[in-house]
Amino acid sequence: MKPAKKHNIVKARRAKRVRANLKTGEIKPRLSIFRSGHHIYAQIIDDTTQKTVVSVSSLSLKSKAKAKKTDIAAVVGAELAEKAKKAGVATVVFDRGAYAYHGRVKALAEAARTGGLKF
C-alpha cells in the first residue's frame, strides 16, 4: 500500500474513533475543525438537522499580513465565538477530528473559549 493512502486510512480511523466518543444531542451542536497545510477551518454543525450553523476559516480573514499559523488560528477561534453568539449558540461539543489537541487546534479552541463558547 502506498504511504499516502495508508496515512489517509489511519487518519480516517482516528477521526471516526474520536467522533464515536463525542456526546452530541439536541442541545449541543458540534464544533468541527479542519486543518490544512496553509489554512484552518472551523464550523459549528447541528447534527440533528445536519446543517452548518456557523463557519469561519482563515481564508475569510481580512488581514493578509504575515503571521504565525497559531496566531491566525486564534483569530479564527475568536471570530467563530463572536458569530456563534450572534447565532444563539452558547455551548458546543469540541470535535478535533484526527488532529491532536496541540498547536493550531489548541489555539483555536482556547480563543473560542475566551470568546464565550462553552465546551
N, C-alpha and C. Protein backbone atom coordinates (compact mmCIF):
# COMPACT_ATOMS: atom_id res chain seq x y z
N MET A 1 0.85 -1.17 0.00
CA MET A 1 0.00 0.00 0.00
C MET A 1 0.89 1.24 0.00
N LYS A 2 0.50 2.23 -0.78
CA LYS A 2 1.28 3.46 -0.83
C LYS A 2 1.19 4.20 0.50
N PRO A 3 2.26 4.88 0.91
CA PRO A 3 2.27 5.56 2.21
C PRO A 3 1.18 6.62 2.34
N ALA A 4 0.90 7.37 1.27
CA ALA A 4 -0.12 8.41 1.35
C ALA A 4 -1.50 7.81 1.57
N LYS A 5 -1.79 6.71 0.88
CA LYS A 5 -3.09 6.07 1.04
C LYS A 5 -3.24 5.50 2.44
N LYS A 6 -2.17 4.89 2.96
CA LYS A 6 -2.22 4.34 4.31
C LYS A 6 -2.42 5.45 5.34
N HIS A 7 -1.76 6.59 5.13
CA HIS A 7 -1.90 7.72 6.04
C HIS A 7 -3.35 8.20 6.07
N ASN A 8 -4.00 8.28 4.91
CA ASN A 8 -5.39 8.71 4.86
C ASN A 8 -6.31 7.73 5.56
N ILE A 9 -6.03 6.45 5.43
CA ILE A 9 -6.86 5.44 6.09
C ILE A 9 -6.71 5.54 7.61
N VAL A 10 -5.49 5.69 8.08
CA VAL A 10 -5.24 5.81 9.52
C VAL A 10 -5.89 7.08 10.06
N LYS A 11 -5.79 8.15 9.33
CA LYS A 11 -6.38 9.42 9.74
C LYS A 11 -7.91 9.32 9.82
N ALA A 12 -8.53 8.66 8.86
CA ALA A 12 -9.98 8.49 8.87
C ALA A 12 -10.43 7.62 10.05
N ARG A 13 -9.66 6.58 10.36
CA ARG A 13 -9.99 5.75 11.52
C ARG A 13 -9.91 6.53 12.81
N ARG A 14 -8.86 7.35 12.94
CA ARG A 14 -8.69 8.15 14.15
C ARG A 14 -9.84 9.13 14.31
N ALA A 15 -10.25 9.78 13.22
CA ALA A 15 -11.36 10.74 13.27
C ALA A 15 -12.65 10.03 13.66
N LYS A 16 -12.88 8.85 13.11
CA LYS A 16 -14.07 8.08 13.43
C LYS A 16 -14.08 7.69 14.91
N ARG A 17 -12.93 7.31 15.43
CA ARG A 17 -12.81 6.92 16.83
C ARG A 17 -13.09 8.11 17.75
N VAL A 18 -12.59 9.29 17.39
CA VAL A 18 -12.81 10.48 18.20
C VAL A 18 -14.29 10.86 18.18
N ARG A 19 -14.91 10.81 17.01
CA ARG A 19 -16.32 11.19 16.89
C ARG A 19 -17.25 10.20 17.58
N ALA A 20 -16.83 8.96 17.69
CA ALA A 20 -17.65 7.95 18.37
C ALA A 20 -17.77 8.25 19.86
N ASN A 21 -16.78 8.92 20.43
CA ASN A 21 -16.78 9.22 21.85
C ASN A 21 -17.44 10.55 22.18
N LEU A 22 -17.85 11.31 21.17
CA LEU A 22 -18.50 12.59 21.43
C LEU A 22 -19.91 12.37 21.92
N LYS A 23 -20.32 13.20 22.83
CA LYS A 23 -21.68 13.13 23.35
C LYS A 23 -22.48 14.29 22.73
N THR A 24 -23.05 14.04 21.56
CA THR A 24 -23.85 15.08 20.92
C THR A 24 -25.32 14.83 21.20
N GLY A 25 -26.08 15.88 21.14
CA GLY A 25 -27.51 15.78 21.36
C GLY A 25 -28.22 16.97 20.76
N GLU A 26 -29.47 17.13 21.09
CA GLU A 26 -30.24 18.21 20.52
C GLU A 26 -29.79 19.58 21.02
N ILE A 27 -29.26 19.62 22.24
CA ILE A 27 -28.93 20.91 22.83
C ILE A 27 -27.50 21.36 22.55
N LYS A 28 -26.64 20.44 22.13
CA LYS A 28 -25.24 20.81 21.91
C LYS A 28 -24.82 20.51 20.47
N PRO A 29 -24.60 21.54 19.68
CA PRO A 29 -24.05 21.30 18.34
C PRO A 29 -22.56 20.97 18.43
N ARG A 30 -21.98 20.58 17.32
CA ARG A 30 -20.60 20.10 17.27
C ARG A 30 -19.72 21.14 16.61
N LEU A 31 -18.58 21.47 17.25
CA LEU A 31 -17.58 22.37 16.68
C LEU A 31 -16.52 21.51 16.01
N SER A 32 -16.52 21.49 14.67
CA SER A 32 -15.63 20.64 13.91
C SER A 32 -14.49 21.47 13.32
N ILE A 33 -13.29 20.90 13.34
CA ILE A 33 -12.09 21.59 12.89
C ILE A 33 -11.51 20.84 11.69
N PHE A 34 -11.04 21.58 10.69
CA PHE A 34 -10.24 21.00 9.62
C PHE A 34 -8.99 21.86 9.47
N ARG A 35 -7.85 21.20 9.41
CA ARG A 35 -6.58 21.90 9.35
C ARG A 35 -5.83 21.42 8.12
N SER A 36 -5.51 22.36 7.23
CA SER A 36 -4.70 22.02 6.07
C SER A 36 -3.29 22.56 6.30
N GLY A 37 -2.45 22.45 5.32
CA GLY A 37 -1.09 22.93 5.46
C GLY A 37 -1.00 24.44 5.58
N HIS A 38 -1.92 25.14 4.94
CA HIS A 38 -1.87 26.60 4.93
C HIS A 38 -2.98 27.25 5.74
N HIS A 39 -4.15 26.64 5.82
CA HIS A 39 -5.31 27.29 6.42
C HIS A 39 -5.93 26.40 7.49
N ILE A 40 -6.86 27.01 8.24
CA ILE A 40 -7.63 26.27 9.24
C ILE A 40 -9.08 26.68 9.09
N TYR A 41 -9.96 25.70 9.22
CA TYR A 41 -11.39 25.90 9.04
C TYR A 41 -12.10 25.40 10.28
N ALA A 42 -13.16 26.10 10.69
CA ALA A 42 -13.95 25.67 11.84
C ALA A 42 -15.42 25.91 11.52
N GLN A 43 -16.25 24.96 11.90
CA GLN A 43 -17.68 25.14 11.70
C GLN A 43 -18.45 24.52 12.85
N ILE A 44 -19.58 25.10 13.14
CA ILE A 44 -20.48 24.57 14.16
C ILE A 44 -21.62 23.90 13.42
N ILE A 45 -21.81 22.61 13.68
CA ILE A 45 -22.76 21.80 12.95
C ILE A 45 -23.84 21.30 13.90
N ASP A 46 -25.10 21.45 13.51
CA ASP A 46 -26.22 20.87 14.24
C ASP A 46 -26.47 19.50 13.65
N ASP A 47 -26.13 18.44 14.39
CA ASP A 47 -26.21 17.09 13.85
C ASP A 47 -27.65 16.59 13.73
N THR A 48 -28.58 17.17 14.46
CA THR A 48 -29.96 16.70 14.35
C THR A 48 -30.57 17.12 13.02
N THR A 49 -30.27 18.33 12.57
CA THR A 49 -30.78 18.79 11.27
C THR A 49 -29.76 18.67 10.16
N GLN A 50 -28.53 18.31 10.52
CA GLN A 50 -27.41 18.16 9.58
C GLN A 50 -27.18 19.45 8.79
N LYS A 51 -27.17 20.56 9.51
CA LYS A 51 -26.94 21.87 8.91
C LYS A 51 -25.77 22.55 9.60
N THR A 52 -25.02 23.33 8.84
CA THR A 52 -23.95 24.14 9.40
C THR A 52 -24.56 25.43 9.92
N VAL A 53 -24.35 25.71 11.19
CA VAL A 53 -24.91 26.92 11.81
C VAL A 53 -23.98 28.10 11.55
N VAL A 54 -22.69 27.92 11.82
CA VAL A 54 -21.69 28.98 11.68
C VAL A 54 -20.42 28.36 11.11
N SER A 55 -19.76 29.08 10.21
CA SER A 55 -18.47 28.61 9.72
C SER A 55 -17.52 29.79 9.54
N VAL A 56 -16.25 29.54 9.86
CA VAL A 56 -15.21 30.56 9.74
C VAL A 56 -13.94 29.85 9.27
N SER A 57 -13.16 30.53 8.45
CA SER A 57 -11.89 29.97 8.03
C SER A 57 -10.84 31.07 7.98
N SER A 58 -9.60 30.66 7.88
CA SER A 58 -8.53 31.64 7.77
C SER A 58 -8.55 32.31 6.41
N LEU A 59 -9.25 31.74 5.45
CA LEU A 59 -9.40 32.39 4.14
C LEU A 59 -10.28 33.63 4.22
N SER A 60 -11.21 33.64 5.19
CA SER A 60 -12.14 34.76 5.30
C SER A 60 -11.61 35.92 6.13
N LEU A 61 -10.38 35.81 6.62
CA LEU A 61 -9.82 36.90 7.42
C LEU A 61 -9.47 38.09 6.53
N LYS A 62 -9.66 39.25 7.09
CA LYS A 62 -9.40 40.47 6.33
C LYS A 62 -7.92 40.82 6.27
N SER A 63 -7.18 40.43 7.30
CA SER A 63 -5.76 40.75 7.38
C SER A 63 -4.95 39.75 6.55
N LYS A 64 -4.16 40.24 5.63
CA LYS A 64 -3.29 39.39 4.83
C LYS A 64 -1.84 39.49 5.28
N ALA A 65 -1.61 40.06 6.45
CA ALA A 65 -0.25 40.24 6.95
C ALA A 65 0.36 38.89 7.32
N LYS A 66 1.68 38.82 7.26
CA LYS A 66 2.38 37.61 7.64
C LYS A 66 2.26 37.41 9.15
N ALA A 67 1.69 36.30 9.54
CA ALA A 67 1.55 35.98 10.95
C ALA A 67 1.78 34.48 11.11
N LYS A 68 2.02 34.07 12.34
CA LYS A 68 2.19 32.64 12.62
C LYS A 68 0.85 31.94 12.46
N LYS A 69 0.91 30.66 12.10
CA LYS A 69 -0.31 29.90 11.89
C LYS A 69 -1.12 29.77 13.18
N THR A 70 -0.44 29.68 14.33
CA THR A 70 -1.16 29.57 15.59
C THR A 70 -1.89 30.88 15.92
N ASP A 71 -1.28 32.01 15.58
CA ASP A 71 -1.94 33.30 15.81
C ASP A 71 -3.17 33.44 14.91
N ILE A 72 -3.06 32.99 13.67
CA ILE A 72 -4.20 33.04 12.75
C ILE A 72 -5.31 32.13 13.26
N ALA A 73 -4.96 30.96 13.78
CA ALA A 73 -5.95 30.03 14.33
C ALA A 73 -6.68 30.65 15.51
N ALA A 74 -5.96 31.41 16.34
CA ALA A 74 -6.58 32.08 17.48
C ALA A 74 -7.58 33.13 17.01
N VAL A 75 -7.25 33.84 15.95
CA VAL A 75 -8.17 34.85 15.41
C VAL A 75 -9.42 34.17 14.85
N VAL A 76 -9.24 33.03 14.20
CA VAL A 76 -10.38 32.27 13.66
C VAL A 76 -11.28 31.81 14.81
N GLY A 77 -10.69 31.33 15.90
CA GLY A 77 -11.47 30.90 17.06
C GLY A 77 -12.26 32.04 17.69
N ALA A 78 -11.65 33.21 17.80
CA ALA A 78 -12.34 34.36 18.36
C ALA A 78 -13.50 34.80 17.46
N GLU A 79 -13.27 34.80 16.16
CA GLU A 79 -14.33 35.19 15.22
C GLU A 79 -15.46 34.16 15.23
N LEU A 80 -15.12 32.89 15.38
CA LEU A 80 -16.13 31.85 15.45
C LEU A 80 -17.01 32.04 16.68
N ALA A 81 -16.41 32.36 17.81
CA ALA A 81 -17.17 32.58 19.04
C ALA A 81 -18.10 33.78 18.89
N GLU A 82 -17.62 34.81 18.23
CA GLU A 82 -18.44 36.01 18.01
C GLU A 82 -19.65 35.69 17.13
N LYS A 83 -19.42 34.96 16.04
CA LYS A 83 -20.52 34.59 15.15
C LYS A 83 -21.49 33.63 15.83
N ALA A 84 -20.97 32.76 16.67
CA ALA A 84 -21.83 31.80 17.38
C ALA A 84 -22.75 32.52 18.35
N LYS A 85 -22.25 33.55 19.01
CA LYS A 85 -23.10 34.34 19.91
C LYS A 85 -24.25 34.98 19.15
N LYS A 86 -23.95 35.52 17.97
CA LYS A 86 -24.99 36.14 17.15
C LYS A 86 -26.02 35.12 16.68
N ALA A 87 -25.57 33.87 16.46
CA ALA A 87 -26.48 32.82 16.00
C ALA A 87 -27.23 32.17 17.16
N GLY A 88 -26.87 32.52 18.39
CA GLY A 88 -27.56 31.98 19.56
C GLY A 88 -27.01 30.66 20.07
N VAL A 89 -25.77 30.36 19.74
CA VAL A 89 -25.13 29.12 20.19
C VAL A 89 -24.20 29.47 21.35
N ALA A 90 -24.42 28.82 22.51
CA ALA A 90 -23.60 29.11 23.68
C ALA A 90 -22.70 27.94 24.06
N THR A 91 -23.20 26.72 23.92
CA THR A 91 -22.41 25.54 24.27
C THR A 91 -22.28 24.62 23.06
N VAL A 92 -21.11 24.02 22.93
CA VAL A 92 -20.83 23.11 21.82
C VAL A 92 -20.05 21.91 22.34
N VAL A 93 -19.94 20.89 21.49
CA VAL A 93 -19.07 19.75 21.74
C VAL A 93 -17.90 19.89 20.79
N PHE A 94 -16.68 19.82 21.32
CA PHE A 94 -15.48 20.04 20.51
C PHE A 94 -15.09 18.76 19.78
N ASP A 95 -15.03 18.83 18.45
CA ASP A 95 -14.64 17.70 17.61
C ASP A 95 -13.32 18.05 16.94
N ARG A 96 -12.24 17.49 17.45
CA ARG A 96 -10.92 17.80 16.91
C ARG A 96 -10.59 16.96 15.69
N GLY A 97 -11.45 16.01 15.35
CA GLY A 97 -11.21 15.15 14.20
C GLY A 97 -10.02 14.25 14.44
N ALA A 98 -9.14 14.16 13.46
CA ALA A 98 -7.97 13.29 13.57
C ALA A 98 -6.75 14.04 14.10
N TYR A 99 -6.93 15.29 14.50
CA TYR A 99 -5.79 16.12 14.89
C TYR A 99 -5.59 16.09 16.39
N ALA A 100 -4.34 16.14 16.82
CA ALA A 100 -4.02 16.19 18.24
C ALA A 100 -4.39 17.56 18.79
N TYR A 101 -4.75 17.59 20.06
CA TYR A 101 -5.09 18.85 20.71
C TYR A 101 -3.78 19.55 21.06
N HIS A 102 -3.20 20.20 20.04
CA HIS A 102 -1.89 20.80 20.17
C HIS A 102 -1.72 21.82 19.06
N GLY A 103 -0.99 22.87 19.31
CA GLY A 103 -0.67 23.84 18.26
C GLY A 103 -1.87 24.65 17.81
N ARG A 104 -2.15 24.60 16.51
CA ARG A 104 -3.22 25.41 15.94
C ARG A 104 -4.60 25.02 16.46
N VAL A 105 -4.83 23.72 16.65
CA VAL A 105 -6.12 23.27 17.15
C VAL A 105 -6.34 23.77 18.57
N LYS A 106 -5.32 23.69 19.39
CA LYS A 106 -5.42 24.18 20.77
C LYS A 106 -5.62 25.69 20.81
N ALA A 107 -4.91 26.43 19.95
CA ALA A 107 -5.04 27.89 19.91
C ALA A 107 -6.46 28.29 19.51
N LEU A 108 -7.03 27.60 18.53
CA LEU A 108 -8.39 27.90 18.10
C LEU A 108 -9.38 27.61 19.22
N ALA A 109 -9.22 26.48 19.89
CA ALA A 109 -10.14 26.10 20.96
C ALA A 109 -10.07 27.07 22.14
N GLU A 110 -8.88 27.46 22.53
CA GLU A 110 -8.76 28.39 23.65
C GLU A 110 -9.29 29.76 23.31
N ALA A 111 -9.10 30.22 22.08
CA ALA A 111 -9.65 31.51 21.68
C ALA A 111 -11.17 31.47 21.63
N ALA A 112 -11.73 30.34 21.21
CA ALA A 112 -13.19 30.21 21.19
C ALA A 112 -13.74 30.20 22.62
N ARG A 113 -13.00 29.57 23.53
CA ARG A 113 -13.44 29.57 24.94
C ARG A 113 -13.39 30.98 25.53
N THR A 114 -12.33 31.71 25.28
CA THR A 114 -12.24 33.07 25.81
C THR A 114 -13.26 33.98 25.14
N GLY A 115 -13.69 33.65 23.94
CA GLY A 115 -14.71 34.42 23.24
C GLY A 115 -16.11 34.17 23.75
N GLY A 116 -16.29 33.13 24.58
CA GLY A 116 -17.59 32.90 25.19
C GLY A 116 -18.21 31.55 24.92
N LEU A 117 -17.63 30.73 24.05
CA LEU A 117 -18.18 29.40 23.81
C LEU A 117 -17.82 28.48 24.98
N LYS A 118 -18.74 27.61 25.33
CA LYS A 118 -18.50 26.66 26.42
C LYS A 118 -18.45 25.25 25.84
N PHE A 119 -17.36 24.55 26.15
CA PHE A 119 -17.22 23.14 25.78
C PHE A 119 -16.17 22.50 26.66
